[in-house]
């Protein structure tokens, strides 16, 4: 195998650079020139691959969503009961919040610094819909009487836990949210 065939594609290098820089510093703050320099590609590669910075941001957020979805779904496999799986979402967030470089939710961060329209808004809405659907499914499996309303409450807890973990680094906020979710499950007779 030649060295050239082992080198990641320009697309992969651009996405890796965007993921690193956008998450660490923000999608608005980081310019295209920094992404191109970090990726080691020509400007033409970015535009021929993605067409615009907005589309690179969209691809970055889609990658973040897929990584998050995979991490959560794989992590939930270790929990045995439906109730434990529902609470496990907060355990997984607590674990993520302790990792070096944790800066909170890529979607919240991008939405807070960008025009609330376009690629960021669309991808954030997709990510949020998936999270809500996950909580509905987990609540339904746990036997919660009104899984839709319960999921809405879990989303508020999850949002608070994510922001809390960003502002007060570590697992404290996600574990506090887990405790509230456990009390809510107990109040629902679960």
N, C-alpha and C. Protein backbone atom coordinates (compact mmCIF):
# COMPACT_ATOMS: atom_id res chain seq x y z
N UNK A 1 0.85 -1.18 0.00
CA UNK A 1 0.00 0.00 0.00
C UNK A 1 0.89 1.23 0.00
N UNK A 2 0.61 2.18 -0.86
CA UNK A 2 1.43 3.38 -0.95
C UNK A 2 1.05 4.37 0.16
N UNK A 3 1.95 5.31 0.43
CA UNK A 3 1.70 6.33 1.44
C UNK A 3 0.47 7.16 1.07
N UNK A 4 0.34 7.47 -0.21
CA UNK A 4 -0.80 8.28 -0.66
C UNK A 4 -2.13 7.59 -0.40
N UNK A 5 -2.17 6.27 -0.53
CA UNK A 5 -3.44 5.57 -0.33
C UNK A 5 -3.80 5.45 1.15
N UNK A 6 -2.83 5.65 2.05
CA UNK A 6 -3.12 5.59 3.48
C UNK A 6 -3.50 6.95 4.05
N UNK A 7 -3.23 8.00 3.32
CA UNK A 7 -3.55 9.33 3.80
C UNK A 7 -5.06 9.58 3.68
N UNK A 8 -5.65 10.15 4.72
CA UNK A 8 -7.09 10.44 4.64
C UNK A 8 -7.39 11.37 3.47
N UNK A 9 -8.61 11.26 2.97
CA UNK A 9 -9.03 12.11 1.86
C UNK A 9 -9.09 13.57 2.31
N UNK A 10 -9.14 14.47 1.33
CA UNK A 10 -9.26 15.90 1.64
C UNK A 10 -10.54 16.14 2.45
N UNK A 11 -11.61 15.46 2.10
CA UNK A 11 -12.88 15.61 2.83
C UNK A 11 -12.70 15.21 4.29
N UNK A 12 -12.07 14.05 4.52
CA UNK A 12 -11.86 13.58 5.90
C UNK A 12 -10.96 14.53 6.68
N UNK A 13 -9.92 15.04 6.03
CA UNK A 13 -9.01 15.98 6.71
C UNK A 13 -9.72 17.30 7.02
N UNK A 14 -10.54 17.77 6.11
CA UNK A 14 -11.30 18.99 6.36
C UNK A 14 -12.28 18.80 7.52
N UNK A 15 -12.96 17.66 7.53
CA UNK A 15 -13.91 17.39 8.63
C UNK A 15 -13.20 17.25 9.97
N UNK A 16 -12.05 16.59 9.97
CA UNK A 16 -11.28 16.44 11.22
C UNK A 16 -10.82 17.81 11.72
N UNK A 17 -10.33 18.64 10.83
CA UNK A 17 -9.89 19.98 11.22
C UNK A 17 -11.07 20.82 11.71
N UNK A 18 -12.18 20.76 10.99
CA UNK A 18 -13.37 21.51 11.39
C UNK A 18 -13.87 21.03 12.75
N UNK A 19 -13.90 19.73 12.96
CA UNK A 19 -14.38 19.19 14.22
C UNK A 19 -13.52 19.71 15.38
N UNK A 20 -12.24 19.65 15.22
CA UNK A 20 -11.33 20.10 16.27
C UNK A 20 -11.47 21.61 16.53
N UNK A 21 -11.38 22.39 15.47
CA UNK A 21 -11.39 23.85 15.62
C UNK A 21 -12.77 24.41 15.97
N UNK A 22 -13.81 23.94 15.31
CA UNK A 22 -15.15 24.46 15.58
C UNK A 22 -15.58 24.14 17.01
N UNK A 23 -15.29 22.92 17.47
CA UNK A 23 -15.72 22.55 18.82
C UNK A 23 -14.92 23.33 19.87
N UNK A 24 -13.63 23.49 19.65
CA UNK A 24 -12.78 24.17 20.63
C UNK A 24 -12.99 25.67 20.66
N UNK A 25 -13.24 26.28 19.47
CA UNK A 25 -13.23 27.73 19.40
C UNK A 25 -14.53 28.35 18.88
N UNK A 26 -15.36 27.58 18.21
CA UNK A 26 -16.63 28.09 17.72
C UNK A 26 -16.69 28.18 16.21
N UNK A 27 -17.87 27.94 15.66
CA UNK A 27 -18.03 27.94 14.21
C UNK A 27 -17.93 29.34 13.61
N UNK A 28 -18.30 30.34 14.37
CA UNK A 28 -18.24 31.70 13.85
C UNK A 28 -16.81 32.26 13.96
N UNK A 29 -16.14 31.93 15.04
CA UNK A 29 -14.79 32.43 15.30
C UNK A 29 -13.76 31.89 14.33
N UNK A 30 -13.88 30.62 13.99
CA UNK A 30 -12.88 29.96 13.15
C UNK A 30 -13.20 30.21 11.68
N UNK A 31 -12.25 30.80 10.99
CA UNK A 31 -12.42 31.07 9.57
C UNK A 31 -11.99 29.90 8.71
N UNK A 32 -12.41 29.95 7.49
CA UNK A 32 -12.09 28.91 6.51
C UNK A 32 -10.59 28.72 6.36
N UNK A 33 -9.84 29.82 6.37
CA UNK A 33 -8.40 29.72 6.18
C UNK A 33 -7.73 28.88 7.26
N UNK A 34 -8.21 28.98 8.49
CA UNK A 34 -7.64 28.16 9.58
C UNK A 34 -7.98 26.70 9.38
N UNK A 35 -9.19 26.40 8.94
CA UNK A 35 -9.58 25.01 8.69
C UNK A 35 -8.73 24.42 7.57
N UNK A 36 -8.57 25.18 6.50
CA UNK A 36 -7.78 24.72 5.35
C UNK A 36 -6.33 24.48 5.76
N UNK A 37 -5.77 25.42 6.52
CA UNK A 37 -4.39 25.26 6.98
C UNK A 37 -4.24 24.02 7.85
N UNK A 38 -5.16 23.83 8.79
CA UNK A 38 -5.08 22.67 9.69
C UNK A 38 -5.24 21.37 8.91
N UNK A 39 -6.11 21.38 7.92
CA UNK A 39 -6.36 20.17 7.12
C UNK A 39 -5.24 19.90 6.12
N UNK A 40 -4.48 20.93 5.78
CA UNK A 40 -3.41 20.76 4.80
C UNK A 40 -3.93 20.54 3.39
N UNK A 41 -4.98 21.28 3.04
CA UNK A 41 -5.56 21.16 1.69
C UNK A 41 -5.65 22.55 1.06
N UNK A 42 -5.88 22.57 -0.22
CA UNK A 42 -6.07 23.83 -0.94
C UNK A 42 -7.49 24.34 -0.71
N UNK A 43 -7.65 25.65 -0.81
CA UNK A 43 -8.98 26.26 -0.65
C UNK A 43 -9.97 25.66 -1.64
N UNK A 44 -9.49 25.36 -2.84
CA UNK A 44 -10.36 24.77 -3.86
C UNK A 44 -10.94 23.44 -3.40
N UNK A 45 -10.18 22.70 -2.59
CA UNK A 45 -10.67 21.41 -2.08
C UNK A 45 -11.89 21.60 -1.18
N UNK A 46 -11.83 22.63 -0.36
CA UNK A 46 -12.97 22.90 0.52
C UNK A 46 -14.21 23.23 -0.30
N UNK A 47 -14.06 24.12 -1.25
CA UNK A 47 -15.22 24.56 -2.02
C UNK A 47 -15.72 23.48 -2.98
N UNK A 48 -14.82 22.66 -3.51
CA UNK A 48 -15.30 21.59 -4.39
C UNK A 48 -15.95 20.47 -3.59
N UNK A 49 -15.55 20.31 -2.34
CA UNK A 49 -16.11 19.25 -1.50
C UNK A 49 -17.40 19.69 -0.80
N UNK A 50 -17.40 20.89 -0.25
CA UNK A 50 -18.54 21.34 0.56
C UNK A 50 -19.32 22.50 -0.06
N UNK A 51 -18.69 23.28 -0.90
CA UNK A 51 -19.38 24.38 -1.54
C UNK A 51 -19.33 25.68 -0.77
N UNK A 52 -19.36 25.62 0.56
CA UNK A 52 -19.36 26.83 1.38
C UNK A 52 -19.02 26.46 2.83
N UNK A 53 -18.74 27.49 3.61
CA UNK A 53 -18.49 27.26 5.03
C UNK A 53 -19.75 26.72 5.71
N UNK A 54 -20.91 27.22 5.32
CA UNK A 54 -22.16 26.73 5.92
C UNK A 54 -22.31 25.22 5.73
N UNK A 55 -21.96 24.75 4.56
CA UNK A 55 -22.08 23.30 4.32
C UNK A 55 -21.01 22.51 5.07
N UNK A 56 -19.84 23.11 5.28
CA UNK A 56 -18.83 22.47 6.13
C UNK A 56 -19.34 22.41 7.57
N UNK A 57 -19.95 23.49 8.04
CA UNK A 57 -20.54 23.51 9.38
C UNK A 57 -21.63 22.45 9.49
N UNK A 58 -22.45 22.32 8.46
CA UNK A 58 -23.50 21.30 8.45
C UNK A 58 -22.88 19.89 8.58
N UNK A 59 -21.84 19.64 7.80
CA UNK A 59 -21.19 18.33 7.84
C UNK A 59 -20.54 18.09 9.21
N UNK A 60 -19.94 19.12 9.78
CA UNK A 60 -19.37 19.02 11.13
C UNK A 60 -20.45 18.63 12.14
N UNK A 61 -21.59 19.33 12.11
CA UNK A 61 -22.66 19.04 13.06
C UNK A 61 -23.27 17.66 12.82
N UNK A 62 -23.39 17.26 11.58
CA UNK A 62 -23.88 15.91 11.30
C UNK A 62 -22.94 14.86 11.87
N UNK A 63 -21.65 15.10 11.73
CA UNK A 63 -20.67 14.18 12.32
C UNK A 63 -20.78 14.14 13.83
N UNK A 64 -20.96 15.30 14.44
CA UNK A 64 -21.14 15.36 15.90
C UNK A 64 -22.39 14.60 16.32
N UNK A 65 -23.46 14.76 15.56
CA UNK A 65 -24.70 14.04 15.88
C UNK A 65 -24.48 12.53 15.79
N UNK A 66 -23.87 12.08 14.72
CA UNK A 66 -23.64 10.63 14.55
C UNK A 66 -22.76 10.08 15.66
N UNK A 67 -21.71 10.79 16.02
CA UNK A 67 -20.83 10.35 17.11
C UNK A 67 -21.59 10.28 18.42
N UNK A 68 -22.39 11.30 18.68
CA UNK A 68 -23.18 11.35 19.91
C UNK A 68 -24.21 10.22 19.95
N UNK A 69 -24.91 10.03 18.85
CA UNK A 69 -25.91 8.97 18.78
C UNK A 69 -25.27 7.61 19.01
N UNK A 70 -24.17 7.36 18.35
CA UNK A 70 -23.47 6.08 18.52
C UNK A 70 -22.99 5.90 19.95
N UNK A 71 -22.41 6.97 20.53
CA UNK A 71 -21.91 6.89 21.91
C UNK A 71 -23.05 6.58 22.88
N UNK A 72 -24.17 7.24 22.71
CA UNK A 72 -25.30 7.02 23.62
C UNK A 72 -25.90 5.62 23.42
N UNK A 73 -26.16 5.25 22.19
CA UNK A 73 -26.79 3.94 21.95
C UNK A 73 -25.89 2.80 22.40
N UNK A 74 -24.61 2.91 22.15
CA UNK A 74 -23.66 1.88 22.59
C UNK A 74 -23.57 1.88 24.11
N UNK A 75 -23.51 3.05 24.71
CA UNK A 75 -23.42 3.16 26.17
C UNK A 75 -24.65 2.61 26.87
N UNK A 76 -25.82 2.80 26.28
CA UNK A 76 -27.05 2.32 26.92
C UNK A 76 -27.15 0.80 26.95
N UNK A 77 -26.38 0.14 26.11
CA UNK A 77 -26.40 -1.33 26.09
C UNK A 77 -25.94 -1.95 27.41
N UNK A 78 -25.18 -1.23 28.19
CA UNK A 78 -24.67 -1.79 29.45
C UNK A 78 -25.70 -1.76 30.58
N UNK A 79 -26.82 -1.04 30.37
CA UNK A 79 -27.86 -0.95 31.39
C UNK A 79 -28.92 -2.02 31.11
N UNK A 80 -29.38 -2.68 32.17
CA UNK A 80 -30.24 -3.85 31.97
C UNK A 80 -31.73 -3.58 32.01
N UNK A 81 -32.18 -2.64 32.82
CA UNK A 81 -33.62 -2.40 32.90
C UNK A 81 -33.99 -1.13 32.13
N UNK A 82 -35.25 -1.03 31.71
CA UNK A 82 -35.67 0.20 31.01
C UNK A 82 -35.47 1.46 31.86
N UNK A 83 -35.73 1.37 33.16
CA UNK A 83 -35.54 2.52 34.03
C UNK A 83 -34.06 2.90 34.10
N UNK A 84 -33.19 1.89 34.21
CA UNK A 84 -31.75 2.17 34.25
C UNK A 84 -31.26 2.77 32.93
N UNK A 85 -31.82 2.33 31.82
CA UNK A 85 -31.43 2.91 30.53
C UNK A 85 -31.83 4.39 30.46
N UNK A 86 -33.04 4.70 30.94
CA UNK A 86 -33.47 6.09 30.93
C UNK A 86 -32.54 6.95 31.79
N UNK A 87 -32.24 6.49 32.98
CA UNK A 87 -31.34 7.23 33.85
C UNK A 87 -29.90 7.19 33.32
N UNK A 88 -29.59 6.14 32.59
CA UNK A 88 -28.25 5.98 32.03
C UNK A 88 -27.85 7.08 31.07
N UNK A 89 -28.83 7.72 30.43
CA UNK A 89 -28.51 8.84 29.55
C UNK A 89 -27.75 9.91 30.33
N UNK A 90 -28.15 10.13 31.57
CA UNK A 90 -27.47 11.12 32.42
C UNK A 90 -26.11 10.61 32.89
N UNK A 91 -26.02 9.31 33.14
CA UNK A 91 -24.71 8.72 33.50
C UNK A 91 -23.72 8.90 32.35
N UNK A 92 -24.18 8.67 31.13
CA UNK A 92 -23.32 8.82 29.96
C UNK A 92 -22.89 10.27 29.78
N UNK A 93 -23.80 11.20 30.03
CA UNK A 93 -23.43 12.61 29.95
C UNK A 93 -22.40 12.95 31.03
N UNK A 94 -22.57 12.41 32.22
CA UNK A 94 -21.60 12.65 33.30
C UNK A 94 -20.21 12.15 32.90
N UNK A 95 -20.15 10.99 32.25
CA UNK A 95 -18.87 10.46 31.78
C UNK A 95 -18.25 11.36 30.71
N UNK A 96 -19.07 11.81 29.79
CA UNK A 96 -18.60 12.69 28.72
C UNK A 96 -18.08 14.01 29.29
N UNK A 97 -18.76 14.52 30.30
CA UNK A 97 -18.40 15.81 30.88
C UNK A 97 -17.05 15.77 31.59
N UNK A 98 -16.53 14.60 31.88
CA UNK A 98 -15.23 14.49 32.56
C UNK A 98 -14.06 14.34 31.59
N UNK A 99 -14.37 14.23 30.30
CA UNK A 99 -13.30 14.03 29.31
C UNK A 99 -12.56 15.34 29.04
N UNK A 100 -11.25 15.25 28.82
CA UNK A 100 -10.49 16.46 28.50
C UNK A 100 -11.05 17.13 27.23
N UNK A 101 -11.11 18.43 27.26
CA UNK A 101 -11.58 19.17 26.10
C UNK A 101 -13.09 19.31 26.02
N UNK A 102 -13.83 18.79 27.00
CA UNK A 102 -15.28 18.91 26.97
C UNK A 102 -15.68 20.38 27.02
N UNK A 103 -16.49 20.80 26.06
CA UNK A 103 -16.95 22.19 25.98
C UNK A 103 -18.46 22.27 25.88
N UNK A 104 -19.16 21.24 26.32
CA UNK A 104 -20.60 21.25 26.25
C UNK A 104 -21.10 20.73 24.92
N UNK A 105 -22.30 21.09 24.61
CA UNK A 105 -22.98 20.61 23.40
C UNK A 105 -22.57 21.43 22.19
N UNK A 106 -22.08 20.76 21.17
CA UNK A 106 -21.67 21.44 19.93
C UNK A 106 -22.85 22.19 19.30
N UNK A 107 -24.05 21.66 19.46
CA UNK A 107 -25.24 22.28 18.87
C UNK A 107 -25.64 23.54 19.63
N UNK A 108 -25.62 23.48 20.97
CA UNK A 108 -25.93 24.66 21.77
C UNK A 108 -24.90 25.75 21.47
N UNK A 109 -23.62 25.34 21.45
CA UNK A 109 -22.54 26.30 21.23
C UNK A 109 -22.69 26.99 19.87
N UNK A 110 -22.89 26.20 18.84
CA UNK A 110 -23.01 26.76 17.48
C UNK A 110 -24.25 27.65 17.38
N UNK A 111 -25.34 27.23 17.99
CA UNK A 111 -26.56 28.02 17.94
C UNK A 111 -26.45 29.33 18.69
N UNK A 112 -25.69 29.34 19.77
CA UNK A 112 -25.54 30.54 20.57
C UNK A 112 -24.71 31.61 19.88
N UNK A 113 -23.83 31.20 18.99
CA UNK A 113 -22.93 32.17 18.36
C UNK A 113 -23.30 32.48 16.91
N UNK A 114 -24.32 31.86 16.40
CA UNK A 114 -24.64 31.98 14.98
C UNK A 114 -26.06 32.49 14.78
N UNK A 115 -26.31 32.96 13.59
CA UNK A 115 -27.66 33.32 13.18
C UNK A 115 -28.52 32.06 13.35
N UNK A 116 -29.64 32.17 14.02
CA UNK A 116 -30.46 30.98 14.28
C UNK A 116 -31.21 30.46 13.05
N UNK A 117 -30.62 30.55 11.91
CA UNK A 117 -31.24 30.02 10.70
C UNK A 117 -30.19 29.21 9.94
N UNK A 118 -30.60 28.60 8.91
CA UNK A 118 -29.66 27.88 8.06
C UNK A 118 -29.21 26.55 8.63
N UNK A 119 -27.98 26.20 8.28
CA UNK A 119 -27.43 24.87 8.59
C UNK A 119 -27.42 24.58 10.09
N UNK A 120 -26.99 25.54 10.90
CA UNK A 120 -26.91 25.31 12.34
C UNK A 120 -28.29 25.02 12.90
N UNK A 121 -29.25 25.83 12.54
CA UNK A 121 -30.62 25.63 13.06
C UNK A 121 -31.18 24.28 12.62
N UNK A 122 -31.00 23.95 11.36
CA UNK A 122 -31.54 22.69 10.84
C UNK A 122 -30.90 21.49 11.52
N UNK A 123 -29.59 21.51 11.66
CA UNK A 123 -28.91 20.36 12.27
C UNK A 123 -29.19 20.28 13.77
N UNK A 124 -29.29 21.43 14.43
CA UNK A 124 -29.64 21.42 15.85
C UNK A 124 -31.05 20.87 16.06
N UNK A 125 -31.98 21.24 15.18
CA UNK A 125 -33.35 20.73 15.27
C UNK A 125 -33.38 19.22 15.06
N UNK A 126 -32.59 18.74 14.12
CA UNK A 126 -32.51 17.29 13.87
C UNK A 126 -31.96 16.56 15.10
N UNK A 127 -30.90 17.10 15.67
CA UNK A 127 -30.29 16.50 16.85
C UNK A 127 -31.26 16.49 18.03
N UNK A 128 -31.95 17.60 18.21
CA UNK A 128 -32.91 17.72 19.32
C UNK A 128 -34.09 16.77 19.14
N UNK A 129 -34.56 16.64 17.92
CA UNK A 129 -35.67 15.70 17.65
C UNK A 129 -35.24 14.28 17.97
N UNK A 130 -34.00 13.93 17.63
CA UNK A 130 -33.51 12.59 17.95
C UNK A 130 -33.46 12.39 19.47
N UNK A 131 -32.97 13.39 20.19
CA UNK A 131 -32.87 13.29 21.65
C UNK A 131 -34.26 13.13 22.27
N UNK A 132 -35.21 13.91 21.80
CA UNK A 132 -36.58 13.80 22.32
C UNK A 132 -37.15 12.42 22.02
N UNK A 133 -36.94 11.94 20.81
CA UNK A 133 -37.43 10.62 20.43
C UNK A 133 -36.81 9.53 21.31
N UNK A 134 -35.52 9.68 21.60
CA UNK A 134 -34.86 8.72 22.49
C UNK A 134 -35.54 8.70 23.86
N UNK A 135 -35.78 9.89 24.42
CA UNK A 135 -36.43 9.95 25.74
C UNK A 135 -37.86 9.41 25.68
N UNK A 136 -38.59 9.66 24.62
CA UNK A 136 -39.94 9.09 24.48
C UNK A 136 -39.85 7.57 24.47
N UNK A 137 -38.96 7.02 23.67
CA UNK A 137 -38.81 5.56 23.58
C UNK A 137 -38.40 4.95 24.91
N UNK A 138 -37.46 5.59 25.59
CA UNK A 138 -37.00 5.07 26.89
C UNK A 138 -38.10 5.17 27.94
N UNK A 139 -38.85 6.27 27.94
CA UNK A 139 -39.96 6.42 28.89
C UNK A 139 -41.05 5.39 28.62
N UNK A 140 -41.35 5.18 27.35
CA UNK A 140 -42.36 4.19 26.98
C UNK A 140 -41.93 2.79 27.43
N UNK A 141 -40.67 2.44 27.18
CA UNK A 141 -40.16 1.12 27.59
C UNK A 141 -40.17 0.97 29.11
N UNK A 142 -39.97 2.08 29.83
CA UNK A 142 -39.98 2.03 31.29
C UNK A 142 -41.39 1.98 31.86
N UNK A 143 -42.41 2.13 31.00
CA UNK A 143 -43.79 2.06 31.46
C UNK A 143 -44.33 3.36 32.01
N UNK A 144 -43.70 4.47 31.70
CA UNK A 144 -44.18 5.78 32.16
C UNK A 144 -45.54 6.04 31.51
N UNK A 145 -46.55 6.45 32.31
CA UNK A 145 -47.90 6.64 31.79
C UNK A 145 -48.03 7.61 30.62
N UNK A 146 -47.33 8.72 30.64
CA UNK A 146 -47.40 9.70 29.56
C UNK A 146 -45.97 9.95 29.05
N UNK A 147 -45.46 9.06 28.20
CA UNK A 147 -44.05 9.16 27.78
C UNK A 147 -43.71 10.45 27.04
N UNK A 148 -44.67 11.02 26.33
CA UNK A 148 -44.40 12.27 25.59
C UNK A 148 -44.12 13.43 26.56
N UNK A 149 -44.97 13.59 27.55
CA UNK A 149 -44.77 14.66 28.54
C UNK A 149 -43.52 14.41 29.37
N UNK A 150 -43.32 13.15 29.73
CA UNK A 150 -42.12 12.80 30.51
C UNK A 150 -40.86 13.13 29.70
N UNK A 151 -40.87 12.84 28.42
CA UNK A 151 -39.73 13.15 27.56
C UNK A 151 -39.47 14.65 27.52
N UNK A 152 -40.54 15.44 27.46
CA UNK A 152 -40.36 16.89 27.48
C UNK A 152 -39.64 17.34 28.75
N UNK A 153 -40.00 16.74 29.87
CA UNK A 153 -39.36 17.06 31.14
C UNK A 153 -37.89 16.60 31.15
N UNK A 154 -37.64 15.45 30.57
CA UNK A 154 -36.27 14.93 30.50
C UNK A 154 -35.38 15.82 29.63
N UNK A 155 -35.95 16.36 28.57
CA UNK A 155 -35.19 17.27 27.70
C UNK A 155 -34.76 18.51 28.49
N UNK A 156 -35.66 19.05 29.30
CA UNK A 156 -35.32 20.22 30.12
C UNK A 156 -34.20 19.85 31.09
N UNK A 157 -34.30 18.69 31.72
CA UNK A 157 -33.24 18.24 32.63
C UNK A 157 -31.92 18.05 31.89
N UNK A 158 -31.99 17.42 30.73
CA UNK A 158 -30.79 17.16 29.95
C UNK A 158 -30.13 18.47 29.51
N UNK A 159 -30.94 19.42 29.05
CA UNK A 159 -30.41 20.73 28.66
C UNK A 159 -29.68 21.37 29.84
N UNK A 160 -30.34 21.38 30.97
CA UNK A 160 -29.73 21.97 32.17
C UNK A 160 -28.45 21.26 32.58
N UNK A 161 -28.46 19.94 32.48
CA UNK A 161 -27.27 19.17 32.85
C UNK A 161 -26.12 19.45 31.89
N UNK A 162 -26.43 19.57 30.61
CA UNK A 162 -25.39 19.84 29.61
C UNK A 162 -24.78 21.22 29.83
N UNK A 163 -25.62 22.22 30.01
CA UNK A 163 -25.12 23.58 30.23
C UNK A 163 -24.38 23.64 31.57
N UNK A 164 -24.93 23.00 32.59
CA UNK A 164 -24.27 22.99 33.89
C UNK A 164 -22.90 22.35 33.83
N UNK A 165 -22.77 21.28 33.08
CA UNK A 165 -21.48 20.61 32.94
C UNK A 165 -20.48 21.47 32.18
N UNK A 166 -20.98 22.31 31.31
CA UNK A 166 -20.10 23.22 30.55
C UNK A 166 -19.60 24.34 31.46
N UNK A 167 -20.50 24.89 32.28
CA UNK A 167 -20.15 26.02 33.13
C UNK A 167 -19.43 25.61 34.40
N UNK A 168 -19.75 24.43 34.91
CA UNK A 168 -19.12 23.90 36.13
C UNK A 168 -18.56 22.53 35.75
N UNK A 169 -17.38 22.51 35.11
CA UNK A 169 -16.86 21.28 34.51
C UNK A 169 -16.89 20.06 35.44
N UNK A 170 -17.29 18.96 34.84
CA UNK A 170 -17.34 17.70 35.57
C UNK A 170 -18.73 17.10 35.59
N UNK A 171 -18.89 16.03 36.35
CA UNK A 171 -20.14 15.27 36.32
C UNK A 171 -21.24 15.76 37.26
N UNK A 172 -20.97 16.79 38.02
CA UNK A 172 -21.92 17.21 39.06
C UNK A 172 -23.32 17.49 38.53
N UNK A 173 -23.43 18.34 37.50
CA UNK A 173 -24.76 18.70 36.97
C UNK A 173 -25.48 17.50 36.36
N UNK A 174 -24.81 16.67 35.53
CA UNK A 174 -25.52 15.50 34.99
C UNK A 174 -25.97 14.52 36.08
N UNK A 175 -25.17 14.37 37.13
CA UNK A 175 -25.57 13.45 38.21
C UNK A 175 -26.71 14.03 39.04
N UNK A 176 -26.74 15.36 39.20
CA UNK A 176 -27.87 15.99 39.87
C UNK A 176 -29.14 15.81 39.05
N UNK A 177 -29.03 15.98 37.74
CA UNK A 177 -30.18 15.78 36.85
C UNK A 177 -30.63 14.33 36.91
N UNK A 178 -29.70 13.40 36.99
CA UNK A 178 -30.05 11.98 37.11
C UNK A 178 -30.88 11.75 38.37
N UNK A 179 -30.47 12.38 39.47
CA UNK A 179 -31.22 12.24 40.72
C UNK A 179 -32.65 12.76 40.60
N UNK A 180 -32.81 13.87 39.92
CA UNK A 180 -34.15 14.43 39.69
C UNK A 180 -34.96 13.49 38.81
N UNK A 181 -34.33 12.96 37.76
CA UNK A 181 -35.03 12.03 36.86
C UNK A 181 -35.45 10.77 37.63
N UNK A 182 -34.60 10.28 38.53
CA UNK A 182 -34.95 9.10 39.33
C UNK A 182 -36.14 9.39 40.22
N UNK A 183 -36.17 10.57 40.82
CA UNK A 183 -37.31 10.96 41.66
C UNK A 183 -38.59 11.06 40.83
N UNK A 184 -38.46 11.57 39.62
CA UNK A 184 -39.63 11.67 38.73
C UNK A 184 -40.14 10.28 38.35
N UNK A 185 -39.21 9.36 38.07
CA UNK A 185 -39.61 7.98 37.78
C UNK A 185 -40.33 7.36 38.97
N UNK A 186 -39.80 7.57 40.16
CA UNK A 186 -40.41 7.02 41.38
C UNK A 186 -41.81 7.62 41.59
N UNK A 187 -41.95 8.92 41.34
CA UNK A 187 -43.26 9.57 41.49
C UNK A 187 -44.26 9.04 40.48
N UNK A 188 -43.76 8.60 39.32
CA UNK A 188 -44.64 8.02 38.30
C UNK A 188 -44.92 6.55 38.57
N UNK A 189 -44.39 6.03 39.69
CA UNK A 189 -44.65 4.63 40.05
C UNK A 189 -43.72 3.65 39.36
N UNK A 190 -42.61 4.11 38.86
CA UNK A 190 -41.69 3.23 38.16
C UNK A 190 -40.59 2.76 39.07
